[in-house]
Amino acid sequence: MNILRSVRALLIPAGLLTTGLLLVPWPARRGWAQFVGAPAPSGTQSDGVTVVILVIAMLLIIGALVKILDLKRKREGEAVVVQAQISDAVLRDPALFSLPITPTAHVPLWKGSPVTVEVAGQVPSDDLRLAALRVVEREASHLRPDVRIESRIGVVPTNGSSIRPTPGKEGPR
């Protein structure tokens, strides 16, 4: 958001300054190296048309940039909503609330492209990893139909779950 504010703070004064400079009539019409003869016509109509075309072009460029930045801001807001809803769903699940699972949503700039939710973290078992993915997929499907889930959940067994005695065999003595 700070980047958007700084870009807007730079674009608007730059556009106004450029527009103002284009509207100022240029004082020098003749240079020293021109030959002596019939005077050149001053203030032709093509000069005015050129200035008007340049002003309109600058305004269109500035307008397009403002629209793109506004669209980007809206998409970031949508990503925050999707990410918060999925995080809440993970925290509501009693088996997952104490695990470090973090969803991060990315909404593309153009409409029609799928939302990408990256789920990262570590869980002690593959069953909990699958349970977390099911919760994320279920919540994401309620929010939007075009959600793509990328799992970055690693299975890291804890000390208690990695040592399991085999039935019928004793451990080392």
N, C-alpha and C. Protein backbone atom coordinates (compact mmCIF):
# COMPACT_ATOMS: atom_id res chain seq x y z
N MET A 1 0.81 -1.19 0.00
CA MET A 1 0.00 0.00 0.00
C MET A 1 0.86 1.25 0.00
N ASN A 2 2.02 1.21 0.69
CA ASN A 2 2.89 2.37 0.72
C ASN A 2 3.46 2.65 -0.67
N ILE A 3 3.70 1.60 -1.44
CA ILE A 3 4.22 1.78 -2.79
C ILE A 3 3.19 2.51 -3.64
N LEU A 4 1.92 2.12 -3.51
CA LEU A 4 0.87 2.78 -4.28
C LEU A 4 0.78 4.25 -3.94
N ARG A 5 0.87 4.58 -2.67
CA ARG A 5 0.80 5.99 -2.27
C ARG A 5 1.97 6.78 -2.82
N SER A 6 3.16 6.19 -2.78
CA SER A 6 4.32 6.92 -3.28
C SER A 6 4.28 7.08 -4.79
N VAL A 7 3.77 6.06 -5.51
CA VAL A 7 3.66 6.19 -6.96
C VAL A 7 2.63 7.25 -7.31
N ARG A 8 1.50 7.25 -6.62
CA ARG A 8 0.50 8.29 -6.87
C ARG A 8 1.05 9.66 -6.53
N ALA A 9 1.79 9.77 -5.46
CA ALA A 9 2.35 11.06 -5.06
C ALA A 9 3.33 11.58 -6.10
N LEU A 10 3.98 10.68 -6.84
CA LEU A 10 4.90 11.10 -7.89
C LEU A 10 4.21 11.36 -9.22
N LEU A 11 3.23 10.53 -9.55
CA LEU A 11 2.59 10.63 -10.86
C LEU A 11 1.74 11.89 -11.01
N ILE A 12 0.98 12.23 -10.02
CA ILE A 12 0.05 13.36 -10.16
C ILE A 12 0.81 14.67 -10.33
N PRO A 13 1.79 15.01 -9.48
CA PRO A 13 2.52 16.27 -9.73
C PRO A 13 3.30 16.25 -11.05
N ALA A 14 3.87 15.09 -11.41
CA ALA A 14 4.62 15.01 -12.66
C ALA A 14 3.70 15.24 -13.85
N GLY A 15 2.51 14.68 -13.80
CA GLY A 15 1.55 14.89 -14.88
C GLY A 15 1.10 16.33 -14.97
N LEU A 16 0.85 16.94 -13.83
CA LEU A 16 0.43 18.34 -13.83
C LEU A 16 1.54 19.25 -14.33
N LEU A 17 2.77 18.97 -13.93
CA LEU A 17 3.90 19.77 -14.38
C LEU A 17 4.10 19.63 -15.89
N THR A 18 4.02 18.43 -16.39
CA THR A 18 4.18 18.21 -17.83
C THR A 18 3.07 18.91 -18.61
N THR A 19 1.85 18.80 -18.13
CA THR A 19 0.73 19.46 -18.80
C THR A 19 0.92 20.97 -18.78
N GLY A 20 1.35 21.51 -17.67
CA GLY A 20 1.59 22.95 -17.58
C GLY A 20 2.68 23.41 -18.53
N LEU A 21 3.75 22.62 -18.63
CA LEU A 21 4.83 22.99 -19.54
C LEU A 21 4.40 22.92 -21.00
N LEU A 22 3.52 22.00 -21.32
CA LEU A 22 3.04 21.91 -22.69
C LEU A 22 2.15 23.09 -23.06
N LEU A 23 1.50 23.66 -22.09
CA LEU A 23 0.60 24.77 -22.37
C LEU A 23 1.32 26.11 -22.47
N VAL A 24 2.56 26.19 -21.98
CA VAL A 24 3.33 27.44 -22.04
C VAL A 24 3.83 27.63 -23.47
N PRO A 25 3.56 28.80 -24.08
CA PRO A 25 4.07 29.02 -25.44
C PRO A 25 5.59 29.17 -25.42
N TRP A 26 6.24 28.55 -26.35
CA TRP A 26 7.70 28.60 -26.41
C TRP A 26 8.11 29.95 -26.98
N PRO A 27 9.00 30.69 -26.30
CA PRO A 27 9.33 32.05 -26.73
C PRO A 27 10.18 32.13 -28.00
N ALA A 28 11.06 31.20 -28.24
CA ALA A 28 11.96 31.31 -29.38
C ALA A 28 11.31 30.73 -30.62
N ARG A 29 11.09 31.58 -31.63
CA ARG A 29 10.54 31.12 -32.90
C ARG A 29 11.62 31.09 -33.97
N ARG A 30 12.61 31.95 -33.85
CA ARG A 30 13.69 32.00 -34.82
C ARG A 30 15.02 31.86 -34.10
N GLY A 31 15.95 31.25 -34.76
CA GLY A 31 17.30 31.12 -34.23
C GLY A 31 18.25 32.01 -35.01
N TRP A 32 19.49 32.08 -34.58
CA TRP A 32 20.48 32.93 -35.24
C TRP A 32 20.90 32.37 -36.58
N ALA A 33 20.80 31.09 -36.77
CA ALA A 33 21.32 30.50 -38.00
C ALA A 33 20.31 30.51 -39.14
N GLN A 34 19.21 31.19 -39.01
CA GLN A 34 18.23 31.22 -40.11
C GLN A 34 18.65 32.25 -41.13
N PHE A 35 18.28 31.98 -42.35
CA PHE A 35 18.65 32.90 -43.42
C PHE A 35 17.67 34.07 -43.46
N VAL A 36 18.13 35.15 -44.07
CA VAL A 36 17.30 36.34 -44.17
C VAL A 36 16.42 36.18 -45.40
N GLY A 37 15.16 36.37 -45.24
CA GLY A 37 14.22 36.23 -46.34
C GLY A 37 12.84 36.53 -45.83
N ALA A 38 11.90 35.87 -46.39
CA ALA A 38 10.53 36.09 -45.96
C ALA A 38 10.36 35.54 -44.55
N PRO A 39 9.71 36.29 -43.67
CA PRO A 39 9.54 35.80 -42.30
C PRO A 39 8.63 34.56 -42.28
N ALA A 40 8.98 33.64 -41.40
CA ALA A 40 8.17 32.42 -41.24
C ALA A 40 6.86 32.79 -40.58
N PRO A 41 5.80 32.11 -40.97
CA PRO A 41 4.51 32.39 -40.34
C PRO A 41 4.57 32.04 -38.86
N SER A 42 4.12 32.95 -38.03
CA SER A 42 4.19 32.70 -36.59
C SER A 42 2.84 32.22 -36.09
N GLY A 43 2.89 31.30 -35.14
CA GLY A 43 1.66 30.81 -34.51
C GLY A 43 0.75 30.07 -35.47
N THR A 44 1.27 29.09 -36.18
CA THR A 44 0.42 28.32 -37.07
C THR A 44 -0.52 27.46 -36.26
N GLN A 45 -1.53 26.99 -36.94
CA GLN A 45 -2.55 26.21 -36.24
C GLN A 45 -2.04 24.82 -35.88
N SER A 46 -1.02 24.34 -36.58
CA SER A 46 -0.49 23.01 -36.26
C SER A 46 0.19 22.99 -34.89
N ASP A 47 0.75 24.11 -34.45
CA ASP A 47 1.35 24.16 -33.11
C ASP A 47 0.29 23.93 -32.03
N GLY A 48 -0.84 24.57 -32.19
CA GLY A 48 -1.93 24.42 -31.21
C GLY A 48 -2.49 23.01 -31.19
N VAL A 49 -2.64 22.42 -32.37
CA VAL A 49 -3.16 21.05 -32.46
C VAL A 49 -2.18 20.08 -31.81
N THR A 50 -0.89 20.29 -32.03
CA THR A 50 0.12 19.42 -31.44
C THR A 50 0.06 19.48 -29.92
N VAL A 51 -0.05 20.69 -29.38
CA VAL A 51 -0.11 20.84 -27.93
C VAL A 51 -1.35 20.16 -27.38
N VAL A 52 -2.49 20.32 -28.04
CA VAL A 52 -3.74 19.70 -27.57
C VAL A 52 -3.62 18.18 -27.61
N ILE A 53 -3.03 17.65 -28.68
CA ILE A 53 -2.87 16.19 -28.79
C ILE A 53 -1.94 15.67 -27.70
N LEU A 54 -0.85 16.38 -27.42
CA LEU A 54 0.06 15.95 -26.37
C LEU A 54 -0.59 16.01 -24.99
N VAL A 55 -1.38 17.04 -24.73
CA VAL A 55 -2.07 17.14 -23.44
C VAL A 55 -3.07 15.99 -23.29
N ILE A 56 -3.82 15.70 -24.33
CA ILE A 56 -4.79 14.60 -24.26
C ILE A 56 -4.06 13.26 -24.07
N ALA A 57 -2.94 13.07 -24.75
CA ALA A 57 -2.18 11.83 -24.59
C ALA A 57 -1.66 11.68 -23.17
N MET A 58 -1.15 12.76 -22.60
CA MET A 58 -0.66 12.70 -21.22
C MET A 58 -1.79 12.39 -20.24
N LEU A 59 -2.93 13.01 -20.45
CA LEU A 59 -4.07 12.76 -19.56
C LEU A 59 -4.54 11.30 -19.67
N LEU A 60 -4.53 10.75 -20.88
CA LEU A 60 -4.92 9.35 -21.05
C LEU A 60 -3.93 8.41 -20.37
N ILE A 61 -2.65 8.71 -20.47
CA ILE A 61 -1.64 7.86 -19.84
C ILE A 61 -1.77 7.92 -18.32
N ILE A 62 -1.94 9.11 -17.79
CA ILE A 62 -2.10 9.25 -16.34
C ILE A 62 -3.38 8.56 -15.87
N GLY A 63 -4.46 8.70 -16.63
CA GLY A 63 -5.72 8.04 -16.27
C GLY A 63 -5.58 6.53 -16.28
N ALA A 64 -4.88 5.98 -17.27
CA ALA A 64 -4.68 4.53 -17.34
C ALA A 64 -3.85 4.04 -16.15
N LEU A 65 -2.81 4.79 -15.79
CA LEU A 65 -1.99 4.39 -14.64
C LEU A 65 -2.78 4.41 -13.34
N VAL A 66 -3.61 5.42 -13.18
CA VAL A 66 -4.43 5.51 -11.96
C VAL A 66 -5.41 4.33 -11.91
N LYS A 67 -6.02 3.99 -13.05
CA LYS A 67 -6.95 2.85 -13.08
C LYS A 67 -6.25 1.54 -12.73
N ILE A 68 -5.06 1.34 -13.27
CA ILE A 68 -4.32 0.10 -12.98
C ILE A 68 -3.94 0.03 -11.51
N LEU A 69 -3.50 1.14 -10.94
CA LEU A 69 -3.15 1.14 -9.51
C LEU A 69 -4.37 0.90 -8.64
N ASP A 70 -5.51 1.45 -9.03
CA ASP A 70 -6.74 1.23 -8.27
C ASP A 70 -7.17 -0.23 -8.36
N LEU A 71 -7.05 -0.82 -9.55
CA LEU A 71 -7.39 -2.24 -9.72
C LEU A 71 -6.47 -3.11 -8.88
N LYS A 72 -5.19 -2.76 -8.84
CA LYS A 72 -4.25 -3.52 -8.02
C LYS A 72 -4.62 -3.43 -6.54
N ARG A 73 -5.02 -2.25 -6.09
CA ARG A 73 -5.42 -2.08 -4.69
C ARG A 73 -6.65 -2.93 -4.38
N LYS A 74 -7.62 -2.96 -5.29
CA LYS A 74 -8.82 -3.78 -5.07
C LYS A 74 -8.47 -5.26 -5.01
N ARG A 75 -7.59 -5.71 -5.89
CA ARG A 75 -7.21 -7.12 -5.90
C ARG A 75 -6.46 -7.50 -4.62
N GLU A 76 -5.63 -6.60 -4.13
CA GLU A 76 -4.94 -6.88 -2.86
C GLU A 76 -5.94 -6.98 -1.71
N GLY A 77 -6.98 -6.17 -1.76
CA GLY A 77 -8.04 -6.26 -0.75
C GLY A 77 -8.77 -7.59 -0.81
N GLU A 78 -9.05 -8.07 -2.03
CA GLU A 78 -9.68 -9.38 -2.19
C GLU A 78 -8.77 -10.49 -1.65
N ALA A 79 -7.47 -10.37 -1.89
CA ALA A 79 -6.53 -11.38 -1.40
C ALA A 79 -6.51 -11.41 0.12
N VAL A 80 -6.59 -10.24 0.74
CA VAL A 80 -6.60 -10.18 2.21
C VAL A 80 -7.85 -10.87 2.76
N VAL A 81 -8.99 -10.66 2.11
CA VAL A 81 -10.24 -11.29 2.58
C VAL A 81 -10.15 -12.81 2.46
N VAL A 82 -9.68 -13.31 1.31
CA VAL A 82 -9.56 -14.76 1.10
C VAL A 82 -8.59 -15.35 2.13
N GLN A 83 -7.46 -14.68 2.32
CA GLN A 83 -6.46 -15.18 3.26
C GLN A 83 -6.99 -15.20 4.69
N ALA A 84 -7.73 -14.17 5.09
CA ALA A 84 -8.27 -14.13 6.45
C ALA A 84 -9.31 -15.21 6.67
N GLN A 85 -10.18 -15.43 5.69
CA GLN A 85 -11.22 -16.46 5.84
C GLN A 85 -10.59 -17.85 5.97
N ILE A 86 -9.57 -18.12 5.16
CA ILE A 86 -8.94 -19.44 5.22
C ILE A 86 -8.16 -19.60 6.53
N SER A 87 -7.50 -18.54 6.98
CA SER A 87 -6.80 -18.61 8.27
C SER A 87 -7.76 -18.88 9.42
N ASP A 88 -8.91 -18.22 9.38
CA ASP A 88 -9.92 -18.45 10.42
C ASP A 88 -10.42 -19.89 10.40
N ALA A 89 -10.60 -20.44 9.20
CA ALA A 89 -11.07 -21.83 9.09
C ALA A 89 -10.04 -22.79 9.67
N VAL A 90 -8.77 -22.54 9.42
CA VAL A 90 -7.71 -23.40 9.97
C VAL A 90 -7.68 -23.28 11.49
N LEU A 91 -7.85 -22.07 12.00
CA LEU A 91 -7.82 -21.88 13.46
C LEU A 91 -9.05 -22.46 14.15
N ARG A 92 -10.16 -22.57 13.44
CA ARG A 92 -11.37 -23.15 14.05
C ARG A 92 -11.28 -24.66 14.18
N ASP A 93 -10.45 -25.30 13.38
CA ASP A 93 -10.31 -26.75 13.45
C ASP A 93 -9.51 -27.12 14.69
N PRO A 94 -10.08 -27.95 15.59
CA PRO A 94 -9.38 -28.26 16.84
C PRO A 94 -8.06 -29.02 16.65
N ALA A 95 -7.94 -29.78 15.57
CA ALA A 95 -6.70 -30.53 15.36
C ALA A 95 -5.60 -29.66 14.78
N LEU A 96 -5.95 -28.52 14.20
CA LEU A 96 -4.98 -27.70 13.47
C LEU A 96 -4.64 -26.37 14.13
N PHE A 97 -5.42 -25.95 15.13
CA PHE A 97 -5.29 -24.58 15.63
C PHE A 97 -3.93 -24.29 16.26
N SER A 98 -3.24 -25.31 16.77
CA SER A 98 -1.95 -25.06 17.42
C SER A 98 -0.77 -25.28 16.48
N LEU A 99 -1.05 -25.64 15.24
CA LEU A 99 0.04 -25.91 14.30
C LEU A 99 0.39 -24.67 13.49
N PRO A 100 1.65 -24.50 13.13
CA PRO A 100 2.06 -23.31 12.35
C PRO A 100 1.73 -23.46 10.86
N ILE A 101 0.47 -23.25 10.52
CA ILE A 101 0.02 -23.33 9.13
C ILE A 101 -0.39 -21.93 8.71
N THR A 102 0.20 -21.45 7.60
CA THR A 102 -0.04 -20.08 7.16
C THR A 102 -0.50 -20.07 5.71
N PRO A 103 -1.75 -19.67 5.46
CA PRO A 103 -2.17 -19.49 4.07
C PRO A 103 -1.83 -18.09 3.58
N THR A 104 -1.39 -18.00 2.33
CA THR A 104 -1.09 -16.72 1.70
C THR A 104 -1.82 -16.69 0.36
N ALA A 105 -2.69 -15.70 0.17
CA ALA A 105 -3.49 -15.62 -1.06
C ALA A 105 -2.88 -14.62 -2.03
N HIS A 106 -2.91 -14.97 -3.31
CA HIS A 106 -2.45 -14.09 -4.38
C HIS A 106 -3.58 -13.98 -5.40
N VAL A 107 -4.12 -12.78 -5.57
CA VAL A 107 -5.18 -12.54 -6.56
C VAL A 107 -4.53 -11.83 -7.74
N PRO A 108 -4.63 -12.40 -8.95
CA PRO A 108 -4.00 -11.76 -10.10
C PRO A 108 -4.69 -10.45 -10.46
N LEU A 109 -3.99 -9.63 -11.23
CA LEU A 109 -4.51 -8.31 -11.60
C LEU A 109 -5.72 -8.43 -12.52
N TRP A 110 -5.70 -9.40 -13.41
CA TRP A 110 -6.79 -9.53 -14.39
C TRP A 110 -7.86 -10.48 -13.89
N LYS A 111 -9.10 -10.09 -14.11
CA LYS A 111 -10.23 -10.92 -13.71
C LYS A 111 -10.27 -12.17 -14.57
N GLY A 112 -10.77 -13.24 -14.01
CA GLY A 112 -10.87 -14.49 -14.76
C GLY A 112 -9.71 -15.43 -14.47
N SER A 113 -8.61 -14.92 -13.95
CA SER A 113 -7.49 -15.77 -13.57
C SER A 113 -7.75 -16.32 -12.17
N PRO A 114 -7.33 -17.56 -11.92
CA PRO A 114 -7.64 -18.15 -10.61
C PRO A 114 -6.84 -17.53 -9.47
N VAL A 115 -7.45 -17.52 -8.31
CA VAL A 115 -6.79 -17.07 -7.09
C VAL A 115 -5.88 -18.20 -6.62
N THR A 116 -4.66 -17.87 -6.24
CA THR A 116 -3.71 -18.87 -5.77
C THR A 116 -3.56 -18.72 -4.26
N VAL A 117 -3.77 -19.82 -3.54
CA VAL A 117 -3.58 -19.83 -2.09
C VAL A 117 -2.43 -20.78 -1.81
N GLU A 118 -1.37 -20.23 -1.26
CA GLU A 118 -0.21 -21.01 -0.89
C GLU A 118 -0.30 -21.31 0.60
N VAL A 119 -0.29 -22.58 0.94
CA VAL A 119 -0.40 -23.00 2.34
C VAL A 119 0.96 -23.54 2.77
N ALA A 120 1.56 -22.88 3.75
CA ALA A 120 2.90 -23.27 4.20
C ALA A 120 2.86 -23.58 5.69
N GLY A 121 3.80 -24.40 6.11
CA GLY A 121 3.91 -24.73 7.53
C GLY A 121 4.47 -26.12 7.73
N GLN A 122 4.42 -26.56 8.98
CA GLN A 122 4.91 -27.89 9.33
C GLN A 122 3.90 -28.58 10.23
N VAL A 123 3.69 -29.84 9.94
CA VAL A 123 2.78 -30.66 10.75
C VAL A 123 3.51 -31.94 11.13
N PRO A 124 3.08 -32.59 12.23
CA PRO A 124 3.79 -33.79 12.68
C PRO A 124 3.44 -35.07 11.91
N SER A 125 2.34 -35.08 11.14
CA SER A 125 1.99 -36.32 10.44
C SER A 125 1.35 -36.00 9.09
N ASP A 126 1.35 -37.00 8.23
CA ASP A 126 0.76 -36.82 6.91
C ASP A 126 -0.77 -36.70 7.01
N ASP A 127 -1.36 -37.35 8.03
CA ASP A 127 -2.82 -37.22 8.23
C ASP A 127 -3.21 -35.78 8.52
N LEU A 128 -2.42 -35.10 9.35
CA LEU A 128 -2.71 -33.70 9.66
C LEU A 128 -2.47 -32.80 8.44
N ARG A 129 -1.50 -33.16 7.61
CA ARG A 129 -1.26 -32.40 6.39
C ARG A 129 -2.47 -32.50 5.47
N LEU A 130 -2.99 -33.70 5.30
CA LEU A 130 -4.18 -33.90 4.46
C LEU A 130 -5.40 -33.22 5.07
N ALA A 131 -5.53 -33.27 6.39
CA ALA A 131 -6.66 -32.60 7.05
C ALA A 131 -6.58 -31.08 6.83
N ALA A 132 -5.40 -30.52 6.93
CA ALA A 132 -5.23 -29.08 6.70
C ALA A 132 -5.58 -28.72 5.26
N LEU A 133 -5.15 -29.51 4.32
CA LEU A 133 -5.48 -29.23 2.92
C LEU A 133 -6.97 -29.35 2.65
N ARG A 134 -7.62 -30.33 3.30
CA ARG A 134 -9.09 -30.46 3.13
C ARG A 134 -9.81 -29.24 3.68
N VAL A 135 -9.38 -28.74 4.84
CA VAL A 135 -10.00 -27.55 5.43
C VAL A 135 -9.80 -26.34 4.51
N VAL A 136 -8.60 -26.19 4.00
CA VAL A 136 -8.31 -25.05 3.12
C VAL A 136 -9.12 -25.15 1.83
N GLU A 137 -9.17 -26.34 1.24
CA GLU A 137 -9.94 -26.51 0.00
C GLU A 137 -11.43 -26.27 0.22
N ARG A 138 -11.95 -26.76 1.33
CA ARG A 138 -13.38 -26.57 1.61
C ARG A 138 -13.71 -25.09 1.79
N GLU A 139 -12.90 -24.38 2.56
CA GLU A 139 -13.16 -22.96 2.79
C GLU A 139 -12.97 -22.15 1.51
N ALA A 140 -11.95 -22.49 0.73
CA ALA A 140 -11.69 -21.77 -0.51
C ALA A 140 -12.82 -21.97 -1.51
N SER A 141 -13.38 -23.17 -1.56
CA SER A 141 -14.48 -23.41 -2.50
C SER A 141 -15.74 -22.65 -2.09
N HIS A 142 -15.91 -22.38 -0.79
CA HIS A 142 -17.04 -21.56 -0.34
C HIS A 142 -16.87 -20.11 -0.74
N LEU A 143 -15.61 -19.63 -0.78
CA LEU A 143 -15.35 -18.23 -1.07
C LEU A 143 -15.42 -17.92 -2.57
N ARG A 144 -14.71 -18.72 -3.36
CA ARG A 144 -14.65 -18.48 -4.80
C ARG A 144 -14.55 -19.82 -5.51
N PRO A 145 -15.09 -19.91 -6.71
CA PRO A 145 -15.00 -21.18 -7.44
C PRO A 145 -13.65 -21.38 -8.13
N ASP A 146 -12.88 -20.32 -8.31
CA ASP A 146 -11.64 -20.40 -9.08
C ASP A 146 -10.40 -20.26 -8.19
N VAL A 147 -10.28 -21.15 -7.22
CA VAL A 147 -9.14 -21.08 -6.29
C VAL A 147 -8.22 -22.26 -6.57
N ARG A 148 -6.93 -21.97 -6.68
CA ARG A 148 -5.91 -23.00 -6.86
C ARG A 148 -5.08 -23.06 -5.58
N ILE A 149 -4.92 -24.25 -5.02
CA ILE A 149 -4.21 -24.43 -3.75
C ILE A 149 -2.82 -25.00 -4.04
N GLU A 150 -1.80 -24.35 -3.49
CA GLU A 150 -0.43 -24.86 -3.58
C GLU A 150 0.02 -25.23 -2.16
N SER A 151 0.32 -26.50 -1.98
CA SER A 151 0.72 -26.97 -0.65
C SER A 151 2.22 -26.88 -0.47
N ARG A 152 2.62 -26.19 0.57
CA ARG A 152 4.01 -26.12 0.99
C ARG A 152 4.11 -26.59 2.45
N ILE A 153 3.23 -27.52 2.80
CA ILE A 153 3.19 -28.04 4.16
C ILE A 153 4.15 -29.22 4.24
N GLY A 154 5.09 -29.12 5.16
CA GLY A 154 6.05 -30.20 5.36
C GLY A 154 5.66 -31.06 6.55
N VAL A 155 5.99 -32.34 6.44
CA VAL A 155 5.73 -33.26 7.54
C VAL A 155 7.04 -33.45 8.30
N VAL A 156 7.04 -32.97 9.55
CA VAL A 156 8.21 -33.09 10.42
C VAL A 156 7.76 -33.82 11.67
N PRO A 157 8.11 -35.10 11.78
CA PRO A 157 7.66 -35.86 12.95
C PRO A 157 8.27 -35.31 14.23
N THR A 158 7.46 -35.30 15.27
CA THR A 158 7.97 -34.89 16.58
C THR A 158 8.69 -36.06 17.22
N ASN A 159 9.38 -35.81 18.32
CA ASN A 159 10.16 -36.87 18.98
C ASN A 159 9.29 -38.02 19.43
N GLY A 160 8.12 -37.74 19.93
CA GLY A 160 7.24 -38.80 20.43
C GLY A 160 6.63 -39.63 19.31
N SER A 161 6.37 -39.04 18.16
CA SER A 161 5.69 -39.79 17.11
C SER A 161 6.66 -40.51 16.20
N SER A 162 7.98 -40.17 16.23
CA SER A 162 8.92 -40.82 15.32
C SER A 162 9.42 -42.15 15.88
N ILE A 163 9.32 -42.37 17.19
CA ILE A 163 9.78 -43.62 17.80
C ILE A 163 8.56 -44.45 18.16
N ARG A 164 8.28 -45.42 17.33
CA ARG A 164 7.15 -46.30 17.61
C ARG A 164 7.67 -47.73 17.71
N PRO A 165 7.41 -48.38 18.80
CA PRO A 165 7.89 -49.77 18.91
C PRO A 165 7.10 -50.69 17.97
N THR A 166 7.80 -51.61 17.39
CA THR A 166 7.16 -52.58 16.50
C THR A 166 6.53 -53.66 17.38
N PRO A 167 5.27 -54.04 17.09
CA PRO A 167 4.63 -55.07 17.92
C PRO A 167 5.42 -56.38 17.88
N GLY A 168 5.65 -56.95 19.04
CA GLY A 168 6.32 -58.25 19.14
C GLY A 168 7.83 -58.13 19.27
N LYS A 169 8.38 -56.94 19.13
CA LYS A 169 9.84 -56.78 19.25
C LYS A 169 10.12 -55.81 20.37
N GLU A 170 11.24 -56.06 21.05
CA GLU A 170 11.63 -55.15 22.11
C GLU A 170 12.64 -54.15 21.56
N GLY A 171 12.71 -53.02 22.22
CA GLY A 171 13.66 -52.00 21.82
C GLY A 171 15.06 -52.35 22.25
N PRO A 172 16.05 -51.52 21.94
CA PRO A 172 17.45 -51.82 22.32
C PRO A 172 17.64 -51.74 23.84
N ARG A 173 18.56 -52.58 24.35
CA ARG A 173 18.83 -52.64 25.79
C ARG A 173 20.18 -52.11 26.10
